[in-house]
Amino acid sequence: MPMTKYEGMTLTKKVIVLEETWLVNCMLRECVIFYSGGPFDVVNATFDRCEWKFQGSAQQTFTLMTMIGLIPQPQATIPLQVSPESVN
């Protein structure tokens, strides 16, 4: 499958399939990035508030690494309810 090369670009709110992408000196902002475990090429790229979607063997590896503690599990956040009376 041919790779699409992005060089010296800022990509904002794009959908990227990592296996089909060659990133060189790029900034990715608020992108959705799919990765299934295949080869890719990333040189000096920065990821800012991107959403990662792991599939297939990449998802299985991610799950295993989380289970054995190599990747910390995300902490659940509980919204804090503050009444005006409790602020004083």
N, C-alpha and C. Protein backbone atom coordinates (compact mmCIF):
# COMPACT_ATOMS: atom_id res chain seq x y z
N MET A 1 0.84 -1.17 0.00
CA MET A 1 0.00 0.00 0.00
C MET A 1 0.90 1.25 0.00
N PRO A 2 0.64 2.21 -0.87
CA PRO A 2 1.48 3.40 -0.91
C PRO A 2 1.30 4.27 0.33
N MET A 3 2.39 4.91 0.74
CA MET A 3 2.34 5.78 1.92
C MET A 3 2.17 7.22 1.46
N THR A 4 1.43 7.98 2.27
CA THR A 4 1.29 9.40 2.04
C THR A 4 2.30 10.12 2.92
N LYS A 5 3.13 10.97 2.32
CA LYS A 5 4.15 11.68 3.08
C LYS A 5 3.66 13.09 3.40
N TYR A 6 3.76 13.45 4.70
CA TYR A 6 3.48 14.80 5.15
C TYR A 6 4.79 15.33 5.71
N GLU A 7 5.24 16.47 5.21
CA GLU A 7 6.51 17.01 5.68
C GLU A 7 6.35 18.50 6.01
N GLY A 8 6.78 18.86 7.24
CA GLY A 8 6.75 20.25 7.66
C GLY A 8 5.36 20.84 7.72
N MET A 9 4.36 20.02 8.06
CA MET A 9 2.97 20.48 8.06
C MET A 9 2.37 20.43 9.45
N THR A 10 1.35 21.24 9.66
CA THR A 10 0.49 21.13 10.83
C THR A 10 -0.83 20.57 10.35
N LEU A 11 -1.19 19.40 10.87
CA LEU A 11 -2.45 18.74 10.51
C LEU A 11 -3.41 18.92 11.67
N THR A 12 -4.56 19.50 11.42
CA THR A 12 -5.54 19.78 12.47
C THR A 12 -6.86 19.10 12.14
N LYS A 13 -7.36 18.35 13.13
CA LYS A 13 -8.66 17.66 13.03
C LYS A 13 -8.76 16.77 11.79
N LYS A 14 -7.68 16.03 11.51
CA LYS A 14 -7.67 15.09 10.40
C LYS A 14 -7.81 13.67 10.93
N VAL A 15 -8.23 12.75 10.08
CA VAL A 15 -8.25 11.33 10.38
C VAL A 15 -7.04 10.72 9.68
N ILE A 16 -6.17 10.06 10.47
CA ILE A 16 -4.92 9.53 9.95
C ILE A 16 -4.88 8.02 10.19
N VAL A 17 -4.54 7.25 9.17
CA VAL A 17 -4.25 5.82 9.33
C VAL A 17 -2.73 5.73 9.36
N LEU A 18 -2.17 5.42 10.53
CA LEU A 18 -0.73 5.50 10.72
C LEU A 18 0.05 4.60 9.75
N GLU A 19 -0.49 3.41 9.45
CA GLU A 19 0.21 2.49 8.53
C GLU A 19 0.37 3.06 7.13
N GLU A 20 -0.39 4.01 6.77
CA GLU A 20 -0.34 4.57 5.42
C GLU A 20 0.32 5.95 5.40
N THR A 21 1.03 6.30 6.50
CA THR A 21 1.48 7.67 6.67
C THR A 21 2.96 7.74 6.98
N TRP A 22 3.63 8.73 6.39
CA TRP A 22 5.02 9.04 6.68
C TRP A 22 5.04 10.50 7.13
N LEU A 23 5.31 10.71 8.42
CA LEU A 23 5.30 12.04 9.00
C LEU A 23 6.72 12.52 9.24
N VAL A 24 7.07 13.69 8.71
CA VAL A 24 8.41 14.26 8.90
C VAL A 24 8.23 15.71 9.34
N ASN A 25 8.74 16.02 10.55
CA ASN A 25 8.69 17.39 11.08
C ASN A 25 7.27 17.96 11.04
N CYS A 26 6.31 17.21 11.58
CA CYS A 26 4.91 17.62 11.55
C CYS A 26 4.35 17.79 12.95
N MET A 27 3.31 18.60 13.04
CA MET A 27 2.52 18.76 14.25
C MET A 27 1.11 18.26 13.94
N LEU A 28 0.61 17.33 14.75
CA LEU A 28 -0.76 16.85 14.60
C LEU A 28 -1.56 17.35 15.79
N ARG A 29 -2.63 18.09 15.52
CA ARG A 29 -3.48 18.66 16.57
C ARG A 29 -4.90 18.13 16.43
N GLU A 30 -5.40 17.59 17.53
CA GLU A 30 -6.79 17.14 17.59
C GLU A 30 -7.15 16.20 16.45
N CYS A 31 -6.21 15.37 16.07
CA CYS A 31 -6.45 14.38 15.01
C CYS A 31 -6.94 13.06 15.63
N VAL A 32 -7.59 12.26 14.83
CA VAL A 32 -7.93 10.89 15.21
C VAL A 32 -6.97 10.00 14.44
N ILE A 33 -6.19 9.20 15.20
CA ILE A 33 -5.14 8.39 14.59
C ILE A 33 -5.47 6.91 14.80
N PHE A 34 -5.62 6.17 13.71
CA PHE A 34 -5.87 4.74 13.76
C PHE A 34 -4.55 4.01 13.58
N TYR A 35 -4.33 2.98 14.41
CA TYR A 35 -3.13 2.16 14.27
C TYR A 35 -3.48 0.70 14.51
N SER A 36 -3.10 -0.16 13.56
CA SER A 36 -3.42 -1.59 13.63
C SER A 36 -2.21 -2.48 13.84
N GLY A 37 -1.02 -1.89 13.96
CA GLY A 37 0.17 -2.70 14.23
C GLY A 37 1.13 -2.84 13.08
N GLY A 38 0.83 -2.25 11.94
CA GLY A 38 1.71 -2.37 10.78
C GLY A 38 2.84 -1.35 10.79
N PRO A 39 3.70 -1.42 9.77
CA PRO A 39 4.83 -0.50 9.71
C PRO A 39 4.39 0.94 9.45
N PHE A 40 5.17 1.87 9.99
CA PHE A 40 4.91 3.29 9.79
C PHE A 40 6.25 4.02 9.88
N ASP A 41 6.26 5.28 9.52
CA ASP A 41 7.48 6.07 9.62
C ASP A 41 7.13 7.45 10.17
N VAL A 42 7.67 7.77 11.35
CA VAL A 42 7.44 9.05 11.99
C VAL A 42 8.80 9.62 12.40
N VAL A 43 9.12 10.81 11.89
CA VAL A 43 10.38 11.48 12.21
C VAL A 43 10.06 12.87 12.74
N ASN A 44 10.37 13.10 14.02
CA ASN A 44 10.21 14.42 14.63
C ASN A 44 8.78 14.95 14.47
N ALA A 45 7.81 14.19 14.93
CA ALA A 45 6.41 14.63 14.89
C ALA A 45 5.93 14.87 16.32
N THR A 46 5.02 15.82 16.46
CA THR A 46 4.44 16.16 17.75
C THR A 46 2.94 15.92 17.67
N PHE A 47 2.39 15.31 18.73
CA PHE A 47 0.96 14.99 18.77
C PHE A 47 0.33 15.80 19.91
N ASP A 48 -0.64 16.64 19.58
CA ASP A 48 -1.28 17.51 20.56
C ASP A 48 -2.78 17.22 20.61
N ARG A 49 -3.22 16.67 21.73
CA ARG A 49 -4.64 16.36 21.97
C ARG A 49 -5.24 15.46 20.89
N CYS A 50 -4.46 14.49 20.43
CA CYS A 50 -4.95 13.54 19.43
C CYS A 50 -5.64 12.38 20.12
N GLU A 51 -6.58 11.79 19.43
CA GLU A 51 -7.29 10.60 19.92
C GLU A 51 -6.73 9.40 19.17
N TRP A 52 -6.24 8.43 19.94
CA TRP A 52 -5.63 7.23 19.37
C TRP A 52 -6.65 6.10 19.36
N LYS A 53 -6.78 5.42 18.22
CA LYS A 53 -7.67 4.28 18.06
C LYS A 53 -6.82 3.07 17.67
N PHE A 54 -6.59 2.18 18.62
CA PHE A 54 -5.80 0.98 18.36
C PHE A 54 -6.73 -0.13 17.92
N GLN A 55 -6.32 -0.87 16.88
CA GLN A 55 -7.13 -1.95 16.33
C GLN A 55 -6.27 -3.18 16.14
N GLY A 56 -6.90 -4.35 16.04
CA GLY A 56 -6.20 -5.59 15.72
C GLY A 56 -5.05 -5.89 16.67
N SER A 57 -3.89 -6.22 16.11
CA SER A 57 -2.75 -6.60 16.94
C SER A 57 -2.25 -5.45 17.80
N ALA A 58 -2.40 -4.21 17.34
CA ALA A 58 -2.01 -3.07 18.16
C ALA A 58 -2.90 -2.98 19.41
N GLN A 59 -4.20 -3.24 19.26
CA GLN A 59 -5.11 -3.23 20.41
C GLN A 59 -4.76 -4.34 21.38
N GLN A 60 -4.43 -5.52 20.86
CA GLN A 60 -4.07 -6.64 21.74
C GLN A 60 -2.79 -6.33 22.51
N THR A 61 -1.81 -5.72 21.86
CA THR A 61 -0.57 -5.34 22.54
C THR A 61 -0.83 -4.28 23.59
N PHE A 62 -1.64 -3.28 23.27
CA PHE A 62 -1.99 -2.23 24.21
C PHE A 62 -2.69 -2.82 25.44
N THR A 63 -3.62 -3.73 25.21
CA THR A 63 -4.35 -4.37 26.31
C THR A 63 -3.40 -5.15 27.20
N LEU A 64 -2.50 -5.93 26.61
CA LEU A 64 -1.54 -6.70 27.39
C LEU A 64 -0.63 -5.78 28.20
N MET A 65 -0.10 -4.74 27.59
CA MET A 65 0.79 -3.83 28.30
C MET A 65 0.08 -3.12 29.45
N THR A 66 -1.20 -2.84 29.28
CA THR A 66 -1.99 -2.24 30.36
C THR A 66 -2.21 -3.26 31.48
N MET A 67 -2.53 -4.50 31.12
CA MET A 67 -2.79 -5.55 32.11
C MET A 67 -1.56 -5.83 32.99
N ILE A 68 -0.37 -5.79 32.40
CA ILE A 68 0.83 -6.11 33.17
C ILE A 68 1.50 -4.87 33.77
N GLY A 69 0.84 -3.72 33.62
CA GLY A 69 1.29 -2.52 34.31
C GLY A 69 2.31 -1.67 33.57
N LEU A 70 2.63 -1.99 32.33
CA LEU A 70 3.59 -1.18 31.58
C LEU A 70 2.97 0.13 31.09
N ILE A 71 1.65 0.13 30.94
CA ILE A 71 0.91 1.35 30.60
C ILE A 71 -0.10 1.57 31.73
N PRO A 72 -0.03 2.72 32.42
CA PRO A 72 -0.97 2.95 33.51
C PRO A 72 -2.41 3.06 33.00
N GLN A 73 -3.33 2.51 33.78
CA GLN A 73 -4.73 2.60 33.43
C GLN A 73 -5.22 4.01 33.74
N PRO A 74 -6.07 4.56 32.87
CA PRO A 74 -6.57 5.91 33.13
C PRO A 74 -7.39 5.93 34.42
N GLN A 75 -7.23 7.01 35.15
CA GLN A 75 -7.98 7.18 36.40
C GLN A 75 -9.34 7.78 36.08
N ALA A 76 -10.37 7.22 36.71
CA ALA A 76 -11.71 7.77 36.54
C ALA A 76 -11.79 9.09 37.29
N THR A 77 -12.43 10.05 36.67
CA THR A 77 -12.62 11.33 37.35
C THR A 77 -14.07 11.44 37.79
N ILE A 78 -14.24 11.94 38.98
CA ILE A 78 -15.58 12.12 39.54
C ILE A 78 -15.82 13.63 39.62
N PRO A 79 -16.88 14.11 38.96
CA PRO A 79 -17.12 15.54 39.01
C PRO A 79 -17.41 15.99 40.44
N LEU A 80 -16.81 17.08 40.82
CA LEU A 80 -16.98 17.63 42.15
C LEU A 80 -18.20 18.53 42.15
N GLN A 81 -19.12 18.24 43.04
CA GLN A 81 -20.33 19.04 43.17
C GLN A 81 -20.13 20.02 44.32
N VAL A 82 -20.14 21.29 44.00
CA VAL A 82 -19.96 22.32 45.03
C VAL A 82 -21.19 23.19 45.07
N SER A 83 -21.76 23.31 46.25
CA SER A 83 -22.90 24.21 46.41
C SER A 83 -22.40 25.57 46.82
N PRO A 84 -23.15 26.64 46.52
CA PRO A 84 -22.72 27.98 46.88
C PRO A 84 -22.48 28.13 48.39
N GLU A 85 -23.23 27.38 49.21
CA GLU A 85 -23.10 27.47 50.66
C GLU A 85 -21.77 26.90 51.14
N SER A 86 -21.23 25.90 50.45
CA SER A 86 -20.01 25.25 50.91
C SER A 86 -18.75 26.01 50.53
N VAL A 87 -18.87 27.03 49.69
CA VAL A 87 -17.71 27.80 49.26
C VAL A 87 -17.23 28.75 50.34
N ASN A 88 -18.11 29.23 51.19
CA ASN A 88 -17.74 30.22 52.23
C ASN A 88 -16.89 29.64 53.28
